[in-house]
Amino acid sequence: MAETDTALEVRDPDTLVTDIERTRKDLARTIDAIAERVSPANNARRAVARVREQASQIDVRYAAAAGVVVLGAATFLVLRRRRK
């Protein structure tokens, strides 16, 4: 078996308090970041922002072509109903 060092390191109490406070602040920031990521409201807001960004990147020509196709199909259906 390996020998274990049972001697404890003696540290300055002020240093320990400073380390504990820093660790608490780091932990609080981590918890806040996790809460931000899993928040349903924030997730919905990010999803809406992604959809808006993707919609703004759609080429106008494709949107116009889709509009023409929809308008043509609607006109076809209206004329077909009138003939019956």
PDB file of N, CA and C in Angstrom:
ATOM      1  N   MET A   1       0.829  -1.182   0.000  1.00  0.00           N
ATOM      2  CA  MET A   1       0.000   0.000   0.000  1.00  0.00           C
ATOM      3  C   MET A   1       0.867   1.237   0.000  1.00  0.00           C
ATOM      4  N   ALA A   2       0.368   2.276  -0.576  1.00  0.00           N
ATOM      5  CA  ALA A   2       1.119   3.525  -0.625  1.00  0.00           C
ATOM      6  C   ALA A   2       0.976   4.254   0.698  1.00  0.00           C
ATOM      7  N   GLU A   3       2.019   4.954   1.025  1.00  0.00           N
ATOM      8  CA  GLU A   3       1.966   5.743   2.251  1.00  0.00           C
ATOM      9  C   GLU A   3       1.147   7.003   2.006  1.00  0.00           C
ATOM     10  N   THR A   4       0.393   7.401   2.989  1.00  0.00           N
ATOM     11  CA  THR A   4      -0.410   8.621   2.863  1.00  0.00           C
ATOM     12  C   THR A   4       0.173   9.681   3.765  1.00  0.00           C
ATOM     13  N   ASP A   5       0.139  10.900   3.263  1.00  0.00           N
ATOM     14  CA  ASP A   5       0.643  12.022   4.046  1.00  0.00           C
ATOM     15  C   ASP A   5      -0.518  12.553   4.862  1.00  0.00           C
ATOM     16  N   THR A   6      -0.461  12.377   6.165  1.00  0.00           N
ATOM     17  CA  THR A   6      -1.567  12.793   7.027  1.00  0.00           C
ATOM     18  C   THR A   6      -1.385  14.186   7.585  1.00  0.00           C
ATOM     19  N   ALA A   7      -0.290  14.834   7.252  1.00  0.00           N
ATOM     20  CA  ALA A   7      -0.058  16.193   7.758  1.00  0.00           C
ATOM     21  C   ALA A   7      -0.983  17.160   7.036  1.00  0.00           C
ATOM     22  N   LEU A   8      -1.600  18.017   7.785  1.00  0.00           N
ATOM     23  CA  LEU A   8      -2.497  19.008   7.212  1.00  0.00           C
ATOM     24  C   LEU A   8      -1.732  20.290   6.929  1.00  0.00           C
ATOM     25  N   GLU A   9      -2.062  20.890   5.837  1.00  0.00           N
ATOM     26  CA  GLU A   9      -1.434  22.163   5.485  1.00  0.00           C
ATOM     27  C   GLU A   9      -2.103  23.263   6.296  1.00  0.00           C
ATOM     28  N   VAL A  10      -1.326  24.069   6.952  1.00  0.00           N
ATOM     29  CA  VAL A  10      -1.862  25.165   7.752  1.00  0.00           C
ATOM     30  C   VAL A  10      -1.950  26.384   6.843  1.00  0.00           C
ATOM     31  N   ARG A  11      -3.149  26.944   6.761  1.00  0.00           N
ATOM     32  CA  ARG A  11      -3.355  28.100   5.889  1.00  0.00           C
ATOM     33  C   ARG A  11      -3.872  29.261   6.715  1.00  0.00           C
ATOM     34  N   ASP A  12      -3.588  30.413   6.219  1.00  0.00           N
ATOM     35  CA  ASP A  12      -4.019  31.644   6.866  1.00  0.00           C
ATOM     36  C   ASP A  12      -5.548  31.730   6.798  1.00  0.00           C
ATOM     37  N   PRO A  13      -6.228  32.026   7.907  1.00  0.00           N
ATOM     38  CA  PRO A  13      -7.698  32.112   7.899  1.00  0.00           C
ATOM     39  C   PRO A  13      -8.227  33.166   6.925  1.00  0.00           C
ATOM     40  N   ASP A  14      -7.528  34.280   6.789  1.00  0.00           N
ATOM     41  CA  ASP A  14      -7.975  35.315   5.843  1.00  0.00           C
ATOM     42  C   ASP A  14      -7.918  34.807   4.406  1.00  0.00           C
ATOM     43  N   THR A  15      -6.903  34.029   4.102  1.00  0.00           N
ATOM     44  CA  THR A  15      -6.786  33.438   2.771  1.00  0.00           C
ATOM     45  C   THR A  15      -7.920  32.456   2.520  1.00  0.00           C
ATOM     46  N   LEU A  16      -8.247  31.668   3.528  1.00  0.00           N
ATOM     47  CA  LEU A  16      -9.359  30.726   3.397  1.00  0.00           C
ATOM     48  C   LEU A  16     -10.673  31.453   3.154  1.00  0.00           C
ATOM     49  N   VAL A  17     -10.918  32.526   3.892  1.00  0.00           N
ATOM     50  CA  VAL A  17     -12.153  33.302   3.725  1.00  0.00           C
ATOM     51  C   VAL A  17     -12.212  33.883   2.317  1.00  0.00           C
ATOM     52  N   THR A  18     -11.089  34.412   1.839  1.00  0.00           N
ATOM     53  CA  THR A  18     -11.037  34.966   0.482  1.00  0.00           C
ATOM     54  C   THR A  18     -11.316  33.887  -0.558  1.00  0.00           C
ATOM     55  N   ASP A  19     -10.729  32.718  -0.384  1.00  0.00           N
ATOM     56  CA  ASP A  19     -10.973  31.609  -1.315  1.00  0.00           C
ATOM     57  C   ASP A  19     -12.429  31.167  -1.302  1.00  0.00           C
ATOM     58  N   ILE A  20     -13.013  31.114  -0.127  1.00  0.00           N
ATOM     59  CA  ILE A  20     -14.421  30.712  -0.009  1.00  0.00           C
ATOM     60  C   ILE A  20     -15.323  31.738  -0.690  1.00  0.00           C
ATOM     61  N   GLU A  21     -15.055  33.013  -0.486  1.00  0.00           N
ATOM     62  CA  GLU A  21     -15.874  34.060  -1.120  1.00  0.00           C
ATOM     63  C   GLU A  21     -15.750  33.998  -2.636  1.00  0.00           C
ATOM     64  N   ARG A  22     -14.532  33.798  -3.138  1.00  0.00           N
ATOM     65  CA  ARG A  22     -14.334  33.700  -4.583  1.00  0.00           C
ATOM     66  C   ARG A  22     -15.070  32.477  -5.138  1.00  0.00           C
ATOM     67  N   THR A  23     -14.990  31.374  -4.431  1.00  0.00           N
ATOM     68  CA  THR A  23     -15.681  30.159  -4.865  1.00  0.00           C
ATOM     69  C   THR A  23     -17.192  30.370  -4.876  1.00  0.00           C
ATOM     70  N   ARG A  24     -17.713  31.048  -3.862  1.00  0.00           N
ATOM     71  CA  ARG A  24     -19.154  31.345  -3.818  1.00  0.00           C
ATOM     72  C   ARG A  24     -19.584  32.193  -5.006  1.00  0.00           C
ATOM     73  N   LYS A  25     -18.794  33.221  -5.314  1.00  0.00           N
ATOM     74  CA  LYS A  25     -19.124  34.087  -6.453  1.00  0.00           C
ATOM     75  C   LYS A  25     -19.079  33.313  -7.761  1.00  0.00           C
ATOM     76  N   ASP A  26     -18.060  32.473  -7.921  1.00  0.00           N
ATOM     77  CA  ASP A  26     -17.965  31.650  -9.133  1.00  0.00           C
ATOM     78  C   ASP A  26     -19.152  30.705  -9.251  1.00  0.00           C
ATOM     79  N   LEU A  27     -19.529  30.100  -8.137  1.00  0.00           N
ATOM     80  CA  LEU A  27     -20.668  29.185  -8.133  1.00  0.00           C
ATOM     81  C   LEU A  27     -21.960  29.934  -8.456  1.00  0.00           C
ATOM     82  N   ALA A  28     -22.125  31.128  -7.903  1.00  0.00           N
ATOM     83  CA  ALA A  28     -23.325  31.926  -8.179  1.00  0.00           C
ATOM     84  C   ALA A  28     -23.407  32.275  -9.658  1.00  0.00           C
ATOM     85  N   ARG A  29     -22.265  32.648 -10.274  1.00  0.00           N
ATOM     86  CA  ARG A  29     -22.259  32.961 -11.715  1.00  0.00           C
ATOM     87  C   ARG A  29     -22.617  31.722 -12.532  1.00  0.00           C
ATOM     88  N   THR A  30     -22.095  30.584 -12.129  1.00  0.00           N
ATOM     89  CA  THR A  30     -22.387  29.344 -12.849  1.00  0.00           C
ATOM     90  C   THR A  30     -23.869  28.995 -12.755  1.00  0.00           C
ATOM     91  N   ILE A  31     -24.426  29.122 -11.567  1.00  0.00           N
ATOM     92  CA  ILE A  31     -25.854  28.830 -11.387  1.00  0.00           C
ATOM     93  C   ILE A  31     -26.705  29.801 -12.194  1.00  0.00           C
ATOM     94  N   ASP A  32     -26.345  31.080 -12.211  1.00  0.00           N
ATOM     95  CA  ASP A  32     -27.085  32.062 -13.011  1.00  0.00           C
ATOM     96  C   ASP A  32     -27.018  31.722 -14.499  1.00  0.00           C
ATOM     97  N   ALA A  33     -25.844  31.293 -14.960  1.00  0.00           N
ATOM     98  CA  ALA A  33     -25.699  30.933 -16.376  1.00  0.00           C
ATOM     99  C   ALA A  33     -26.554  29.716 -16.716  1.00  0.00           C
ATOM    100  N   ILE A  34     -26.587  28.743 -15.827  1.00  0.00           N
ATOM    101  CA  ILE A  34     -27.415  27.553 -16.060  1.00  0.00           C
ATOM    102  C   ILE A  34     -28.898  27.936 -16.063  1.00  0.00           C
ATOM    103  N   ALA A  35     -29.302  28.758 -15.108  1.00  0.00           N
ATOM    104  CA  ALA A  35     -30.706  29.192 -15.044  1.00  0.00           C
ATOM    105  C   ALA A  35     -31.091  29.953 -16.305  1.00  0.00           C
ATOM    106  N   GLU A  36     -30.188  30.766 -16.815  1.00  0.00           N
ATOM    107  CA  GLU A  36     -30.430  31.522 -18.050  1.00  0.00           C
ATOM    108  C   GLU A  36     -30.640  30.580 -19.227  1.00  0.00           C
ATOM    109  N   ARG A  37     -29.830  29.527 -19.287  1.00  0.00           N
ATOM    110  CA  ARG A  37     -29.919  28.588 -20.408  1.00  0.00           C
ATOM    111  C   ARG A  37     -31.174  27.745 -20.377  1.00  0.00           C
ATOM    112  N   VAL A  38     -31.662  27.368 -19.214  1.00  0.00           N
ATOM    113  CA  VAL A  38     -32.803  26.460 -19.138  1.00  0.00           C
ATOM    114  C   VAL A  38     -34.133  27.179 -18.953  1.00  0.00           C
ATOM    115  N   SER A  39     -34.113  28.479 -18.861  1.00  0.00           N
ATOM    116  CA  SER A  39     -35.348  29.242 -18.677  1.00  0.00           C
ATOM    117  C   SER A  39     -36.246  29.098 -19.917  1.00  0.00           C
ATOM    118  N   PRO A  40     -37.489  28.648 -19.744  1.00  0.00           N
ATOM    119  CA  PRO A  40     -38.389  28.502 -20.894  1.00  0.00           C
ATOM    120  C   PRO A  40     -38.612  29.824 -21.634  1.00  0.00           C
ATOM    121  N   ALA A  41     -38.724  30.910 -20.898  1.00  0.00           N
ATOM    122  CA  ALA A  41     -38.939  32.214 -21.552  1.00  0.00           C
ATOM    123  C   ALA A  41     -37.728  32.586 -22.404  1.00  0.00           C
ATOM    124  N   ASN A  42     -36.538  32.362 -21.885  1.00  0.00           N
ATOM    125  CA  ASN A  42     -35.342  32.677 -22.662  1.00  0.00           C
ATOM    126  C   ASN A  42     -35.189  31.754 -23.858  1.00  0.00           C
ATOM    127  N   ASN A  43     -35.536  30.490 -23.689  1.00  0.00           N
ATOM    128  CA  ASN A  43     -35.478  29.551 -24.820  1.00  0.00           C
ATOM    129  C   ASN A  43     -36.451  29.974 -25.912  1.00  0.00           C
ATOM    130  N   ALA A  44     -37.652  30.381 -25.532  1.00  0.00           N
ATOM    131  CA  ALA A  44     -38.642  30.830 -26.522  1.00  0.00           C
ATOM    132  C   ALA A  44     -38.145  32.091 -27.219  1.00  0.00           C
ATOM    133  N   ARG A  45     -37.572  33.011 -26.457  1.00  0.00           N
ATOM    134  CA  ARG A  45     -37.058  34.255 -27.040  1.00  0.00           C
ATOM    135  C   ARG A  45     -35.939  33.958 -28.036  1.00  0.00           C
ATOM    136  N   ARG A  46     -35.049  33.033 -27.693  1.00  0.00           N
ATOM    137  CA  ARG A  46     -33.965  32.676 -28.609  1.00  0.00           C
ATOM    138  C   ARG A  46     -34.509  31.991 -29.866  1.00  0.00           C
ATOM    139  N   ALA A  47     -35.531  31.157 -29.707  1.00  0.00           N
ATOM    140  CA  ALA A  47     -36.126  30.478 -30.864  1.00  0.00           C
ATOM    141  C   ALA A  47     -36.769  31.488 -31.813  1.00  0.00           C
ATOM    142  N   VAL A  48     -37.486  32.451 -31.256  1.00  0.00           N
ATOM    143  CA  VAL A  48     -38.110  33.485 -32.087  1.00  0.00           C
ATOM    144  C   VAL A  48     -37.038  34.297 -32.816  1.00  0.00           C
ATOM    145  N   ALA A  49     -35.961  34.612 -32.117  1.00  0.00           N
ATOM    146  CA  ALA A  49     -34.876  35.374 -32.745  1.00  0.00           C
ATOM    147  C   ALA A  49     -34.247  34.581 -33.892  1.00  0.00           C
ATOM    148  N   ARG A  50     -34.072  33.255 -33.709  1.00  0.00           N
ATOM    149  CA  ARG A  50     -33.510  32.424 -34.782  1.00  0.00           C
ATOM    150  C   ARG A  50     -34.433  32.398 -35.991  1.00  0.00           C
ATOM    151  N   VAL A  51     -35.743  32.267 -35.750  1.00  0.00           N
ATOM    152  CA  VAL A  51     -36.703  32.226 -36.856  1.00  0.00           C
ATOM    153  C   VAL A  51     -36.701  33.561 -37.599  1.00  0.00           C
ATOM    154  N   ARG A  52     -36.663  34.659 -36.846  1.00  0.00           N
ATOM    155  CA  ARG A  52     -36.622  35.981 -37.503  1.00  0.00           C
ATOM    156  C   ARG A  52     -35.360  36.143 -38.332  1.00  0.00           C
ATOM    157  N   GLU A  53     -34.246  35.674 -37.797  1.00  0.00           N
ATOM    158  CA  GLU A  53     -32.988  35.790 -38.531  1.00  0.00           C
ATOM    159  C   GLU A  53     -33.040  34.968 -39.813  1.00  0.00           C
ATOM    160  N   GLN A  54     -33.571  33.755 -39.721  1.00  0.00           N
ATOM    161  CA  GLN A  54     -33.660  32.913 -40.909  1.00  0.00           C
ATOM    162  C   GLN A  54     -34.641  33.503 -41.913  1.00  0.00           C
ATOM    163  N   ALA A  55     -35.731  34.076 -41.428  1.00  0.00           N
ATOM    164  CA  ALA A  55     -36.724  34.671 -42.332  1.00  0.00           C
ATOM    165  C   ALA A  55     -36.142  35.878 -43.051  1.00  0.00           C
ATOM    166  N   SER A  56     -35.285  36.627 -42.372  1.00  0.00           N
ATOM    167  CA  SER A  56     -34.703  37.802 -43.009  1.00  0.00           C
ATOM    168  C   SER A  56     -33.677  37.410 -44.059  1.00  0.00           C
ATOM    169  N   GLN A  57     -33.208  36.182 -44.022  1.00  0.00           N
ATOM    170  CA  GLN A  57     -32.211  35.728 -44.988  1.00  0.00           C
ATOM    171  C   GLN A  57     -32.834  35.083 -46.219  1.00  0.00           C
ATOM    172  N   ILE A  58     -34.146  34.949 -46.245  1.00  0.00           N
ATOM    173  CA  ILE A  58     -34.817  34.349 -47.400  1.00  0.00           C
ATOM    174  C   ILE A  58     -34.709  35.308 -48.582  1.00  0.00           C
ATOM    175  N   ASP A  59     -34.322  34.783 -49.713  1.00  0.00           N
ATOM    176  CA  ASP A  59     -34.182  35.593 -50.917  1.00  0.00           C
ATOM    177  C   ASP A  59     -35.567  36.062 -51.367  1.00  0.00           C
ATOM    178  N   VAL A  60     -35.658  37.328 -51.726  1.00  0.00           N
ATOM    179  CA  VAL A  60     -36.938  37.923 -52.144  1.00  0.00           C
ATOM    180  C   VAL A  60     -37.487  37.203 -53.368  1.00  0.00           C
ATOM    181  N   ARG A  61     -36.616  36.748 -54.252  1.00  0.00           N
ATOM    182  CA  ARG A  61     -37.095  36.050 -55.461  1.00  0.00           C
ATOM    183  C   ARG A  61     -37.837  34.770 -55.106  1.00  0.00           C
ATOM    184  N   TYR A  62     -37.328  34.042 -54.109  1.00  0.00           N
ATOM    185  CA  TYR A  62     -37.996  32.809 -53.701  1.00  0.00           C
ATOM    186  C   TYR A  62     -39.347  33.117 -53.061  1.00  0.00           C
ATOM    187  N   ALA A  63     -39.398  34.159 -52.276  1.00  0.00           N
ATOM    188  CA  ALA A  63     -40.660  34.541 -51.646  1.00  0.00           C
ATOM    189  C   ALA A  63     -41.672  34.959 -52.705  1.00  0.00           C
ATOM    190  N   ALA A  64     -41.229  35.722 -53.707  1.00  0.00           N
ATOM    191  CA  ALA A  64     -42.122  36.154 -54.785  1.00  0.00           C
ATOM    192  C   ALA A  64     -42.606  34.953 -55.595  1.00  0.00           C
ATOM    193  N   ALA A  65     -41.707  34.016 -55.871  1.00  0.00           N
ATOM    194  CA  ALA A  65     -42.092  32.823 -56.632  1.00  0.00           C
ATOM    195  C   ALA A  65     -43.109  32.002 -55.851  1.00  0.00           C
ATOM    196  N   ALA A  66     -42.907  31.881 -54.544  1.00  0.00           N
ATOM    197  CA  ALA A  66     -43.870  31.141 -53.731  1.00  0.00           C
ATOM    198  C   ALA A  66     -45.213  31.851 -53.729  1.00  0.00           C
ATOM    199  N   GLY A  67     -45.207  33.164 -53.673  1.00  0.00           N
ATOM    200  CA  GLY A  67     -46.455  33.929 -53.716  1.00  0.00           C
ATOM    201  C   GLY A  67     -47.201  33.721 -55.032  1.00  0.00           C
ATOM    202  N   VAL A  68     -46.460  33.693 -56.127  1.00  0.00           N
ATOM    203  CA  VAL A  68     -47.074  33.471 -57.445  1.00  0.00           C
ATOM    204  C   VAL A  68     -47.685  32.084 -57.510  1.00  0.00           C
ATOM    205  N   VAL A  69     -47.001  31.091 -56.983  1.00  0.00           N
ATOM    206  CA  VAL A  69     -47.523  29.720 -56.998  1.00  0.00           C
ATOM    207  C   VAL A  69     -48.805  29.639 -56.174  1.00  0.00           C
ATOM    208  N   VAL A  70     -48.799  30.242 -54.989  1.00  0.00           N
ATOM    209  CA  VAL A  70     -49.995  30.216 -54.136  1.00  0.00           C
ATOM    210  C   VAL A  70     -51.140  30.950 -54.812  1.00  0.00           C
ATOM    211  N   LEU A  71     -50.858  32.105 -55.377  1.00  0.00           N
ATOM    212  CA  LEU A  71     -51.905  32.881 -56.064  1.00  0.00           C
ATOM    213  C   LEU A  71     -52.454  32.099 -57.261  1.00  0.00           C
ATOM    214  N   GLY A  72     -51.568  31.448 -58.010  1.00  0.00           N
ATOM    215  CA  GLY A  72     -52.014  30.648 -59.162  1.00  0.00           C
ATOM    216  C   GLY A  72     -52.892  29.482 -58.724  1.00  0.00           C
ATOM    217  N   ALA A  73     -52.494  28.807 -57.642  1.00  0.00           N
ATOM    218  CA  ALA A  73     -53.294  27.686 -57.151  1.00  0.00           C
ATOM    219  C   ALA A  73     -54.647  28.168 -56.653  1.00  0.00           C
ATOM    220  N   ALA A  74     -54.680  29.286 -55.968  1.00  0.00           N
ATOM    221  CA  ALA A  74     -55.954  29.819 -55.475  1.00  0.00           C
ATOM    222  C   ALA A  74     -56.856  30.214 -56.641  1.00  0.00           C
ATOM    223  N   THR A  75     -56.288  30.839 -57.646  1.00  0.00           N
ATOM    224  CA  THR A  75     -57.070  31.231 -58.831  1.00  0.00           C
ATOM    225  C   THR A  75     -57.618  29.991 -59.536  1.00  0.00           C
ATOM    226  N   PHE A  76     -56.798  28.975 -59.675  1.00  0.00           N
ATOM    227  CA  PHE A  76     -57.235  27.729 -60.302  1.00  0.00           C
ATOM    228  C   PHE A  76     -58.409  27.122 -59.546  1.00  0.00           C
ATOM    229  N   LEU A  77     -58.312  27.071 -58.223  1.00  0.00           N
ATOM    230  CA  LEU A  77     -59.378  26.474 -57.423  1.00  0.00           C
ATOM    231  C   LEU A  77     -60.679  27.297 -57.518  1.00  0.00           C
ATOM    232  N   VAL A  78     -60.564  28.618 -57.508  1.00  0.00           N
ATOM    233  CA  VAL A  78     -61.760  29.477 -57.610  1.00  0.00           C
ATOM    234  C   VAL A  78     -62.425  29.290 -58.962  1.00  0.00           C
ATOM    235  N   LEU A  79     -61.656  29.292 -60.036  1.00  0.00           N
ATOM    236  CA  LEU A  79     -62.223  29.112 -61.382  1.00  0.00           C
ATOM    237  C   LEU A  79     -62.841  27.721 -61.545  1.00  0.00           C
ATOM    238  N   ARG A  80     -62.232  26.744 -60.982  1.00  0.00           N
ATOM    239  CA  ARG A  80     -62.743  25.376 -61.072  1.00  0.00           C
ATOM    240  C   ARG A  80     -64.093  25.260 -60.355  1.00  0.00           C
ATOM    241  N   ARG A  81     -64.221  25.915 -59.188  1.00  0.00           N
ATOM    242  CA  ARG A  81     -65.494  25.867 -58.446  1.00  0.00           C
ATOM    243  C   ARG A  81     -66.603  26.587 -59.213  1.00  0.00           C
ATOM    244  N   ARG A  82     -66.263  27.684 -59.876  1.00  0.00           N
ATOM    245  CA  ARG A  82     -67.268  28.449 -60.621  1.00  0.00           C
ATOM    246  C   ARG A  82     -67.806  27.677 -61.835  1.00  0.00           C
ATOM    247  N   ARG A  83     -66.984  26.841 -62.416  1.00  0.00           N
ATOM    248  CA  ARG A  83     -67.400  26.074 -63.597  1.00  0.00           C
ATOM    249  C   ARG A  83     -68.372  24.951 -63.231  1.00  0.00           C
ATOM    250  N   LYS A  84     -68.316  24.499 -61.991  1.00  0.00           N
ATOM    251  CA  LYS A  84     -69.195  23.388 -61.603  1.00  0.00           C
ATOM    252  C   LYS A  84     -70.555  23.849 -61.374  1.00  0.00           C
TER     253      LYS A  84
END
